[in-house]
Amino acid sequence: MERRVSKRPSLADSRGERGATVVVYTRPGCHLCDEAIEEIVAIHEEGRSFELHEVDIESDELLLRRMLERIPVVEVDGVVVSELILDATEVRARLDTVVGDR
């Protein structure tokens, strides 16, 4: 299964630490997805370190069928933390938990 991932720069902190991985499942023209990405970037600017990847669900038929009515879907280190409307509080909480475990 091929997944198209945007070439968004890593949002690692200034010390070069990677932190968590945040994946946002999106599709072109999705305004909720664009808003979610903007808010996730703002979360990074608060000082949290993570890599951000966007996956276009249209790049894979199975992803498209499974996620079309749920996007944006946000995963933090493989755990779905938000669907449809970004739950920024849950994203922050999961990032804090993941970073605390490292």
PDB file of N, CA and C in Angstrom:
ATOM      1  N   MET A   1       0.837  -1.163   0.000  1.00  0.00           N
ATOM      2  CA  MET A   1       0.000   0.000   0.000  1.00  0.00           C
ATOM      3  C   MET A   1       0.890   1.237   0.000  1.00  0.00           C
ATOM      4  N   GLU A   2       0.726   2.073  -0.980  1.00  0.00           N
ATOM      5  CA  GLU A   2       1.520   3.289  -1.073  1.00  0.00           C
ATOM      6  C   GLU A   2       0.733   4.438  -0.471  1.00  0.00           C
ATOM      7  N   ARG A   3       1.391   5.201   0.380  1.00  0.00           N
ATOM      8  CA  ARG A   3       0.756   6.368   0.975  1.00  0.00           C
ATOM      9  C   ARG A   3       1.563   7.585   0.586  1.00  0.00           C
ATOM     10  N   ARG A   4       0.881   8.575   0.078  1.00  0.00           N
ATOM     11  CA  ARG A   4       1.549   9.810  -0.285  1.00  0.00           C
ATOM     12  C   ARG A   4       1.625  10.692   0.947  1.00  0.00           C
ATOM     13  N   VAL A   5       2.821  11.081   1.317  1.00  0.00           N
ATOM     14  CA  VAL A   5       3.044  11.912   2.494  1.00  0.00           C
ATOM     15  C   VAL A   5       3.627  13.229   2.024  1.00  0.00           C
ATOM     16  N   SER A   6       3.107  14.324   2.550  1.00  0.00           N
ATOM     17  CA  SER A   6       3.619  15.622   2.136  1.00  0.00           C
ATOM     18  C   SER A   6       5.052  15.807   2.596  1.00  0.00           C
ATOM     19  N   LYS A   7       5.738  16.679   1.956  1.00  0.00           N
ATOM     20  CA  LYS A   7       7.120  16.970   2.318  1.00  0.00           C
ATOM     21  C   LYS A   7       7.164  18.163   3.258  1.00  0.00           C
ATOM     22  N   ARG A   8       6.464  18.054   4.361  1.00  0.00           N
ATOM     23  CA  ARG A   8       6.461  19.088   5.390  1.00  0.00           C
ATOM     24  C   ARG A   8       7.703  18.890   6.244  1.00  0.00           C
ATOM     25  N   PRO A   9       8.386  19.962   6.608  1.00  0.00           N
ATOM     26  CA  PRO A   9       9.609  19.809   7.399  1.00  0.00           C
ATOM     27  C   PRO A   9       9.325  19.228   8.770  1.00  0.00           C
ATOM     28  N   SER A  10      10.308  18.536   9.304  1.00  0.00           N
ATOM     29  CA  SER A  10      10.220  18.000  10.660  1.00  0.00           C
ATOM     30  C   SER A  10      10.098  19.148  11.630  1.00  0.00           C
ATOM     31  N   LEU A  11       9.283  18.965  12.645  1.00  0.00           N
ATOM     32  CA  LEU A  11       9.122  19.985  13.659  1.00  0.00           C
ATOM     33  C   LEU A  11       9.903  19.591  14.902  1.00  0.00           C
ATOM     34  N   ALA A  12      11.167  19.227  14.713  1.00  0.00           N
ATOM     35  CA  ALA A  12      12.014  18.853  15.846  1.00  0.00           C
ATOM     36  C   ALA A  12      12.399  20.107  16.612  1.00  0.00           C
ATOM     37  N   ASP A  13      12.736  19.930  17.887  1.00  0.00           N
ATOM     38  CA  ASP A  13      13.112  21.093  18.673  1.00  0.00           C
ATOM     39  C   ASP A  13      14.525  21.540  18.332  1.00  0.00           C
ATOM     40  N   SER A  14      14.937  22.650  18.909  1.00  0.00           N
ATOM     41  CA  SER A  14      16.224  23.249  18.554  1.00  0.00           C
ATOM     42  C   SER A  14      17.408  22.384  18.950  1.00  0.00           C
ATOM     43  N   ARG A  15      17.210  21.421  19.862  1.00  0.00           N
ATOM     44  CA  ARG A  15      18.298  20.528  20.254  1.00  0.00           C
ATOM     45  C   ARG A  15      18.389  19.328  19.320  1.00  0.00           C
ATOM     46  N   GLY A  16      17.472  19.247  18.328  1.00  0.00           N
ATOM     47  CA  GLY A  16      17.505  18.149  17.374  1.00  0.00           C
ATOM     48  C   GLY A  16      16.787  16.902  17.866  1.00  0.00           C
ATOM     49  N   GLU A  17      16.094  16.989  18.993  1.00  0.00           N
ATOM     50  CA  GLU A  17      15.356  15.830  19.488  1.00  0.00           C
ATOM     51  C   GLU A  17      14.105  15.631  18.644  1.00  0.00           C
ATOM     52  N   ARG A  18      13.800  14.382  18.349  1.00  0.00           N
ATOM     53  CA  ARG A  18      12.685  14.081  17.456  1.00  0.00           C
ATOM     54  C   ARG A  18      11.344  14.172  18.145  1.00  0.00           C
ATOM     55  N   GLY A  19      11.213  13.683  19.355  1.00  0.00           N
ATOM     56  CA  GLY A  19       9.910  13.685  20.007  1.00  0.00           C
ATOM     57  C   GLY A  19       8.989  12.653  19.384  1.00  0.00           C
ATOM     58  N   ALA A  20       7.722  12.954  19.385  1.00  0.00           N
ATOM     59  CA  ALA A  20       6.688  12.047  18.896  1.00  0.00           C
ATOM     60  C   ALA A  20       6.515  12.200  17.379  1.00  0.00           C
ATOM     61  N   THR A  21       5.683  11.330  16.822  1.00  0.00           N
ATOM     62  CA  THR A  21       5.291  11.444  15.422  1.00  0.00           C
ATOM     63  C   THR A  21       3.797  11.703  15.363  1.00  0.00           C
ATOM     64  N   VAL A  22       3.424  12.780  14.698  1.00  0.00           N
ATOM     65  CA  VAL A  22       2.019  13.134  14.504  1.00  0.00           C
ATOM     66  C   VAL A  22       1.700  12.912  13.033  1.00  0.00           C
ATOM     67  N   VAL A  23       0.653  12.134  12.776  1.00  0.00           N
ATOM     68  CA  VAL A  23       0.206  11.880  11.406  1.00  0.00           C
ATOM     69  C   VAL A  23      -1.204  12.439  11.267  1.00  0.00           C
ATOM     70  N   VAL A  24      -1.403  13.235  10.227  1.00  0.00           N
ATOM     71  CA  VAL A  24      -2.726  13.786   9.943  1.00  0.00           C
ATOM     72  C   VAL A  24      -3.177  13.231   8.600  1.00  0.00           C
ATOM     73  N   TYR A  25      -4.277  12.497   8.607  1.00  0.00           N
ATOM     74  CA  TYR A  25      -4.861  11.959   7.384  1.00  0.00           C
ATOM     75  C   TYR A  25      -5.779  13.028   6.810  1.00  0.00           C
ATOM     76  N   THR A  26      -5.509  13.409   5.553  1.00  0.00           N
ATOM     77  CA  THR A  26      -6.185  14.534   4.924  1.00  0.00           C
ATOM     78  C   THR A  26      -6.582  14.174   3.496  1.00  0.00           C
ATOM     79  N   ARG A  27      -7.141  15.153   2.818  1.00  0.00           N
ATOM     80  CA  ARG A  27      -7.348  15.064   1.368  1.00  0.00           C
ATOM     81  C   ARG A  27      -7.372  16.476   0.819  1.00  0.00           C
ATOM     82  N   PRO A  28      -7.043  16.642  -0.447  1.00  0.00           N
ATOM     83  CA  PRO A  28      -7.035  17.977  -1.036  1.00  0.00           C
ATOM     84  C   PRO A  28      -8.403  18.651  -0.918  1.00  0.00           C
ATOM     85  N   GLY A  29      -8.387  19.949  -0.614  1.00  0.00           N
ATOM     86  CA  GLY A  29      -9.624  20.713  -0.538  1.00  0.00           C
ATOM     87  C   GLY A  29     -10.371  20.586   0.775  1.00  0.00           C
ATOM     88  N   CYS A  30      -9.807  19.906   1.742  1.00  0.00           N
ATOM     89  CA  CYS A  30     -10.464  19.711   3.038  1.00  0.00           C
ATOM     90  C   CYS A  30     -10.112  20.882   3.954  1.00  0.00           C
ATOM     91  N   HIS A  31     -11.050  21.798   4.144  1.00  0.00           N
ATOM     92  CA  HIS A  31     -10.748  22.970   4.977  1.00  0.00           C
ATOM     93  C   HIS A  31     -10.560  22.605   6.440  1.00  0.00           C
ATOM     94  N   LEU A  32     -11.268  21.573   6.921  1.00  0.00           N
ATOM     95  CA  LEU A  32     -11.063  21.127   8.304  1.00  0.00           C
ATOM     96  C   LEU A  32      -9.650  20.571   8.484  1.00  0.00           C
ATOM     97  N   CYS A  33      -9.148  19.909   7.450  1.00  0.00           N
ATOM     98  CA  CYS A  33      -7.777  19.379   7.493  1.00  0.00           C
ATOM     99  C   CYS A  33      -6.765  20.515   7.548  1.00  0.00           C
ATOM    100  N   ASP A  34      -6.976  21.531   6.718  1.00  0.00           N
ATOM    101  CA  ASP A  34      -6.073  22.678   6.712  1.00  0.00           C
ATOM    102  C   ASP A  34      -6.060  23.370   8.076  1.00  0.00           C
ATOM    103  N   GLU A  35      -7.233  23.522   8.673  1.00  0.00           N
ATOM    104  CA  GLU A  35      -7.325  24.145   9.996  1.00  0.00           C
ATOM    105  C   GLU A  35      -6.621  23.291  11.049  1.00  0.00           C
ATOM    106  N   ALA A  36      -6.790  21.970  10.956  1.00  0.00           N
ATOM    107  CA  ALA A  36      -6.143  21.070  11.920  1.00  0.00           C
ATOM    108  C   ALA A  36      -4.624  21.176  11.814  1.00  0.00           C
ATOM    109  N   ILE A  37      -4.100  21.200  10.589  1.00  0.00           N
ATOM    110  CA  ILE A  37      -2.651  21.324  10.389  1.00  0.00           C
ATOM    111  C   ILE A  37      -2.149  22.632  10.993  1.00  0.00           C
ATOM    112  N   GLU A  38      -2.864  23.715  10.746  1.00  0.00           N
ATOM    113  CA  GLU A  38      -2.462  25.009  11.303  1.00  0.00           C
ATOM    114  C   GLU A  38      -2.412  24.958  12.830  1.00  0.00           C
ATOM    115  N   GLU A  39      -3.405  24.345  13.439  1.00  0.00           N
ATOM    116  CA  GLU A  39      -3.435  24.273  14.894  1.00  0.00           C
ATOM    117  C   GLU A  39      -2.345  23.345  15.437  1.00  0.00           C
ATOM    118  N   ILE A  40      -2.058  22.279  14.724  1.00  0.00           N
ATOM    119  CA  ILE A  40      -0.992  21.367  15.153  1.00  0.00           C
ATOM    120  C   ILE A  40       0.366  22.070  15.063  1.00  0.00           C
ATOM    121  N   VAL A  41       0.569  22.863  14.018  1.00  0.00           N
ATOM    122  CA  VAL A  41       1.809  23.642  13.918  1.00  0.00           C
ATOM    123  C   VAL A  41       1.887  24.634  15.082  1.00  0.00           C
ATOM    124  N   ALA A  42       0.760  25.234  15.447  1.00  0.00           N
ATOM    125  CA  ALA A  42       0.740  26.151  16.593  1.00  0.00           C
ATOM    126  C   ALA A  42       1.089  25.416  17.886  1.00  0.00           C
ATOM    127  N   ILE A  43       0.648  24.171  18.024  1.00  0.00           N
ATOM    128  CA  ILE A  43       0.998  23.367  19.201  1.00  0.00           C
ATOM    129  C   ILE A  43       2.510  23.177  19.257  1.00  0.00           C
ATOM    130  N   HIS A  44       3.119  22.943  18.096  1.00  0.00           N
ATOM    131  CA  HIS A  44       4.586  22.827  18.054  1.00  0.00           C
ATOM    132  C   HIS A  44       5.239  24.126  18.507  1.00  0.00           C
ATOM    133  N   GLU A  45       4.687  25.239  18.066  1.00  0.00           N
ATOM    134  CA  GLU A  45       5.261  26.538  18.416  1.00  0.00           C
ATOM    135  C   GLU A  45       5.148  26.834  19.911  1.00  0.00           C
ATOM    136  N   GLU A  46       4.284  26.093  20.615  1.00  0.00           N
ATOM    137  CA  GLU A  46       4.185  26.216  22.070  1.00  0.00           C
ATOM    138  C   GLU A  46       5.384  25.571  22.760  1.00  0.00           C
ATOM    139  N   GLY A  47       6.177  24.803  21.999  1.00  0.00           N
ATOM    140  CA  GLY A  47       7.372  24.193  22.564  1.00  0.00           C
ATOM    141  C   GLY A  47       7.388  22.678  22.543  1.00  0.00           C
ATOM    142  N   ARG A  48       6.350  22.050  22.003  1.00  0.00           N
ATOM    143  CA  ARG A  48       6.336  20.590  21.915  1.00  0.00           C
ATOM    144  C   ARG A  48       7.089  20.141  20.674  1.00  0.00           C
ATOM    145  N   SER A  49       7.831  19.046  20.798  1.00  0.00           N
ATOM    146  CA  SER A  49       8.661  18.548  19.707  1.00  0.00           C
ATOM    147  C   SER A  49       8.025  17.305  19.094  1.00  0.00           C
ATOM    148  N   PHE A  50       7.833  17.331  17.785  1.00  0.00           N
ATOM    149  CA  PHE A  50       7.296  16.168  17.083  1.00  0.00           C
ATOM    150  C   PHE A  50       7.551  16.311  15.597  1.00  0.00           C
ATOM    151  N   GLU A  51       7.480  15.175  14.903  1.00  0.00           N
ATOM    152  CA  GLU A  51       7.519  15.168  13.451  1.00  0.00           C
ATOM    153  C   GLU A  51       6.084  15.156  12.958  1.00  0.00           C
ATOM    154  N   LEU A  52       5.795  15.947  11.958  1.00  0.00           N
ATOM    155  CA  LEU A  52       4.451  16.041  11.403  1.00  0.00           C
ATOM    156  C   LEU A  52       4.436  15.466   9.997  1.00  0.00           C
ATOM    157  N   HIS A  53       3.517  14.536   9.763  1.00  0.00           N
ATOM    158  CA  HIS A  53       3.347  13.921   8.443  1.00  0.00           C
ATOM    159  C   HIS A  53       1.891  14.050   8.044  1.00  0.00           C
ATOM    160  N   GLU A  54       1.662  14.440   6.795  1.00  0.00           N
ATOM    161  CA  GLU A  54       0.321  14.457   6.229  1.00  0.00           C
ATOM    162  C   GLU A  54       0.202  13.283   5.271  1.00  0.00           C
ATOM    163  N   VAL A  55      -0.885  12.544   5.381  1.00  0.00           N
ATOM    164  CA  VAL A  55      -1.141  11.428   4.480  1.00  0.00           C
ATOM    165  C   VAL A  55      -2.423  11.740   3.711  1.00  0.00           C
ATOM    166  N   ASP A  56      -2.318  11.798   2.399  1.00  0.00           N
ATOM    167  CA  ASP A  56      -3.462  12.036   1.526  1.00  0.00           C
ATOM    168  C   ASP A  56      -4.230  10.727   1.385  1.00  0.00           C
ATOM    169  N   ILE A  57      -5.440  10.699   1.921  1.00  0.00           N
ATOM    170  CA  ILE A  57      -6.224   9.451   1.883  1.00  0.00           C
ATOM    171  C   ILE A  57      -6.605   9.062   0.467  1.00  0.00           C
ATOM    172  N   GLU A  58      -6.548   9.996  -0.462  1.00  0.00           N
ATOM    173  CA  GLU A  58      -6.864   9.671  -1.853  1.00  0.00           C
ATOM    174  C   GLU A  58      -5.749   8.873  -2.522  1.00  0.00           C
ATOM    175  N   SER A  59      -4.620   8.732  -1.835  1.00  0.00           N
ATOM    176  CA  SER A  59      -3.508   7.970  -2.408  1.00  0.00           C
ATOM    177  C   SER A  59      -3.709   6.464  -2.245  1.00  0.00           C
ATOM    178  N   ASP A  60      -4.726   6.065  -1.488  1.00  0.00           N
ATOM    179  CA  ASP A  60      -4.960   4.647  -1.230  1.00  0.00           C
ATOM    180  C   ASP A  60      -6.464   4.417  -1.093  1.00  0.00           C
ATOM    181  N   GLU A  61      -6.994   3.513  -1.900  1.00  0.00           N
ATOM    182  CA  GLU A  61      -8.446   3.268  -1.923  1.00  0.00           C
ATOM    183  C   GLU A  61      -8.983   2.834  -0.555  1.00  0.00           C
ATOM    184  N   LEU A  62      -8.250   1.988   0.151  1.00  0.00           N
ATOM    185  CA  LEU A  62      -8.689   1.530   1.468  1.00  0.00           C
ATOM    186  C   LEU A  62      -8.735   2.687   2.464  1.00  0.00           C
ATOM    187  N   LEU A  63      -7.701   3.514   2.471  1.00  0.00           N
ATOM    188  CA  LEU A  63      -7.706   4.692   3.349  1.00  0.00           C
ATOM    189  C   LEU A  63      -8.879   5.606   3.011  1.00  0.00           C
ATOM    190  N   LEU A  64      -9.119   5.811   1.746  1.00  0.00           N
ATOM    191  CA  LEU A  64     -10.214   6.669   1.312  1.00  0.00           C
ATOM    192  C   LEU A  64     -11.549   6.147   1.837  1.00  0.00           C
ATOM    193  N   ARG A  65     -11.793   4.844   1.673  1.00  0.00           N
ATOM    194  CA  ARG A  65     -13.059   4.256   2.143  1.00  0.00           C
ATOM    195  C   ARG A  65     -13.177   4.320   3.661  1.00  0.00           C
ATOM    196  N   ARG A  66     -12.072   4.060   4.377  1.00  0.00           N
ATOM    197  CA  ARG A  66     -12.107   4.005   5.838  1.00  0.00           C
ATOM    198  C   ARG A  66     -12.182   5.374   6.502  1.00  0.00           C
ATOM    199  N   MET A  67     -11.613   6.400   5.853  1.00  0.00           N
ATOM    200  CA  MET A  67     -11.451   7.671   6.550  1.00  0.00           C
ATOM    201  C   MET A  67     -12.195   8.854   5.952  1.00  0.00           C
ATOM    202  N   LEU A  68     -12.827   8.680   4.820  1.00  0.00           N
ATOM    203  CA  LEU A  68     -13.427   9.813   4.125  1.00  0.00           C
ATOM    204  C   LEU A  68     -14.362  10.629   5.017  1.00  0.00           C
ATOM    205  N   GLU A  69     -15.208   9.986   5.772  1.00  0.00           N
ATOM    206  CA  GLU A  69     -16.186  10.685   6.612  1.00  0.00           C
ATOM    207  C   GLU A  69     -15.609  11.092   7.963  1.00  0.00           C
ATOM    208  N   ARG A  70     -14.325  10.810   8.216  1.00  0.00           N
ATOM    209  CA  ARG A  70     -13.730  11.065   9.527  1.00  0.00           C
ATOM    210  C   ARG A  70     -12.627  12.108   9.507  1.00  0.00           C
ATOM    211  N   ILE A  71     -12.148  12.514   8.324  1.00  0.00           N
ATOM    212  CA  ILE A  71     -10.988  13.400   8.259  1.00  0.00           C
ATOM    213  C   ILE A  71     -11.326  14.801   8.752  1.00  0.00           C
ATOM    214  N   PRO A  72     -10.336  15.470   9.325  1.00  0.00           N
ATOM    215  CA  PRO A  72      -8.981  15.011   9.558  1.00  0.00           C
ATOM    216  C   PRO A  72      -8.912  14.015  10.716  1.00  0.00           C
ATOM    217  N   VAL A  73      -8.149  12.959  10.501  1.00  0.00           N
ATOM    218  CA  VAL A  73      -7.865  11.989  11.553  1.00  0.00           C
ATOM    219  C   VAL A  73      -6.429  12.246  11.986  1.00  0.00           C
ATOM    220  N   VAL A  74      -6.221  12.390  13.295  1.00  0.00           N
ATOM    221  CA  VAL A  74      -4.901  12.712  13.831  1.00  0.00           C
ATOM    222  C   VAL A  74      -4.438  11.575  14.722  1.00  0.00           C
ATOM    223  N   GLU A  75      -3.243  11.073  14.433  1.00  0.00           N
ATOM    224  CA  GLU A  75      -2.607  10.045  15.258  1.00  0.00           C
ATOM    225  C   GLU A  75      -1.353  10.631  15.884  1.00  0.00           C
ATOM    226  N   VAL A  76      -1.119  10.274  17.139  1.00  0.00           N
ATOM    227  CA  VAL A  76       0.136  10.600  17.813  1.00  0.00           C
ATOM    228  C   VAL A  76       0.785   9.281  18.183  1.00  0.00           C
ATOM    229  N   ASP A  77       1.937   9.012  17.599  1.00  0.00           N
ATOM    230  CA  ASP A  77       2.653   7.747  17.781  1.00  0.00           C
ATOM    231  C   ASP A  77       1.735   6.541  17.620  1.00  0.00           C
ATOM    232  N   GLY A  78       0.912   6.570  16.560  1.00  0.00           N
ATOM    233  CA  GLY A  78       0.077   5.431  16.210  1.00  0.00           C
ATOM    234  C   GLY A  78      -1.257   5.337  16.913  1.00  0.00           C
ATOM    235  N   VAL A  79      -1.560   6.263  17.811  1.00  0.00           N
ATOM    236  CA  VAL A  79      -2.835   6.251  18.534  1.00  0.00           C
ATOM    237  C   VAL A  79      -3.712   7.379  17.998  1.00  0.00           C
ATOM    238  N   VAL A  80      -4.929   7.037  17.550  1.00  0.00           N
ATOM    239  CA  VAL A  80      -5.854   8.057  17.061  1.00  0.00           C
ATOM    240  C   VAL A  80      -6.315   8.899  18.247  1.00  0.00           C
ATOM    241  N   VAL A  81      -6.094  10.210  18.147  1.00  0.00           N
ATOM    242  CA  VAL A  81      -6.461  11.109  19.230  1.00  0.00           C
ATOM    243  C   VAL A  81      -7.546  12.105  18.832  1.00  0.00           C
ATOM    244  N   SER A  82      -7.846  12.183  17.548  1.00  0.00           N
ATOM    245  CA  SER A  82      -8.841  13.153  17.109  1.00  0.00           C
ATOM    246  C   SER A  82      -9.377  12.767  15.737  1.00  0.00           C
ATOM    247  N   GLU A  83     -10.669  13.017  15.541  1.00  0.00           N
ATOM    248  CA  GLU A  83     -11.318  12.791  14.253  1.00  0.00           C
ATOM    249  C   GLU A  83     -12.305  13.915  13.972  1.00  0.00           C
ATOM    250  N   LEU A  84     -12.439  14.277  12.720  1.00  0.00           N
ATOM    251  CA  LEU A  84     -13.394  15.240  12.192  1.00  0.00           C
ATOM    252  C   LEU A  84     -13.111  16.673  12.646  1.00  0.00           C
ATOM    253  N   ILE A  85     -13.283  16.971  13.913  1.00  0.00           N
ATOM    254  CA  ILE A  85     -12.949  18.288  14.455  1.00  0.00           C
ATOM    255  C   ILE A  85     -11.743  18.091  15.362  1.00  0.00           C
ATOM    256  N   LEU A  86     -10.671  18.845  15.139  1.00  0.00           N
ATOM    257  CA  LEU A  86      -9.454  18.654  15.910  1.00  0.00           C
ATOM    258  C   LEU A  86      -9.711  18.863  17.402  1.00  0.00           C
ATOM    259  N   ASP A  87      -9.301  17.892  18.194  1.00  0.00           N
ATOM    260  CA  ASP A  87      -9.340  17.998  19.651  1.00  0.00           C
ATOM    261  C   ASP A  87      -7.916  18.334  20.100  1.00  0.00           C
ATOM    262  N   ALA A  88      -7.598  19.625  20.102  1.00  0.00           N
ATOM    263  CA  ALA A  88      -6.240  20.068  20.406  1.00  0.00           C
ATOM    264  C   ALA A  88      -5.832  19.701  21.826  1.00  0.00           C
ATOM    265  N   THR A  89      -6.784  19.689  22.742  1.00  0.00           N
ATOM    266  CA  THR A  89      -6.479  19.311  24.127  1.00  0.00           C
ATOM    267  C   THR A  89      -6.009  17.869  24.191  1.00  0.00           C
ATOM    268  N   GLU A  90      -6.657  16.986  23.445  1.00  0.00           N
ATOM    269  CA  GLU A  90      -6.262  15.574  23.424  1.00  0.00           C
ATOM    270  C   GLU A  90      -4.913  15.392  22.727  1.00  0.00           C
ATOM    271  N   VAL A  91      -4.665  16.155  21.676  1.00  0.00           N
ATOM    272  CA  VAL A  91      -3.364  16.082  20.998  1.00  0.00           C
ATOM    273  C   VAL A  91      -2.263  16.481  21.973  1.00  0.00           C
ATOM    274  N   ARG A  92      -2.465  17.599  22.673  1.00  0.00           N
ATOM    275  CA  ARG A  92      -1.464  18.039  23.656  1.00  0.00           C
ATOM    276  C   ARG A  92      -1.249  16.993  24.740  1.00  0.00           C
ATOM    277  N   ALA A  93      -2.344  16.436  25.252  1.00  0.00           N
ATOM    278  CA  ALA A  93      -2.249  15.442  26.334  1.00  0.00           C
ATOM    279  C   ALA A  93      -1.469  14.216  25.873  1.00  0.00           C
ATOM    280  N   ARG A  94      -1.751  13.743  24.668  1.00  0.00           N
ATOM    281  CA  ARG A  94      -1.041  12.567  24.155  1.00  0.00           C
ATOM    282  C   ARG A  94       0.434  12.892  23.915  1.00  0.00           C
ATOM    283  N   LEU A  95       0.715  14.061  23.367  1.00  0.00           N
ATOM    284  CA  LEU A  95       2.111  14.448  23.168  1.00  0.00           C
ATOM    285  C   LEU A  95       2.855  14.500  24.500  1.00  0.00           C
ATOM    286  N   ASP A  96       2.210  15.055  25.512  1.00  0.00           N
ATOM    287  CA  ASP A  96       2.838  15.135  26.844  1.00  0.00           C
ATOM    288  C   ASP A  96       3.097  13.747  27.400  1.00  0.00           C
ATOM    289  N   THR A  97       2.166  12.825  27.190  1.00  0.00           N
ATOM    290  CA  THR A  97       2.320  11.449  27.673  1.00  0.00           C
ATOM    291  C   THR A  97       3.443  10.733  26.940  1.00  0.00           C
ATOM    292  N   VAL A  98       3.485  10.868  25.622  1.00  0.00           N
ATOM    293  CA  VAL A  98       4.486  10.193  24.806  1.00  0.00           C
ATOM    294  C   VAL A  98       5.880  10.711  25.144  1.00  0.00           C
ATOM    295  N   VAL A  99       6.034  12.020  25.231  1.00  0.00           N
ATOM    296  CA  VAL A  99       7.335  12.607  25.524  1.00  0.00           C
ATOM    297  C   VAL A  99       7.763  12.227  26.936  1.00  0.00           C
ATOM    298  N   GLY A 100       6.822  12.150  27.863  1.00  0.00           N
ATOM    299  CA  GLY A 100       7.132  11.754  29.230  1.00  0.00           C
ATOM    300  C   GLY A 100       7.602  10.320  29.347  1.00  0.00           C
ATOM    301  N   ASP A 101       7.176   9.474  28.395  1.00  0.00           N
ATOM    302  CA  ASP A 101       7.573   8.055  28.392  1.00  0.00           C
ATOM    303  C   ASP A 101       8.973   7.852  27.835  1.00  0.00           C
ATOM    304  N   ARG A 102       9.566   8.860  27.210  1.00  0.00           N
ATOM    305  CA  ARG A 102      10.874   8.696  26.555  1.00  0.00           C
ATOM    306  C   ARG A 102      11.987   9.108  27.448  1.00  0.00           C
TER     307      ARG A 102
END
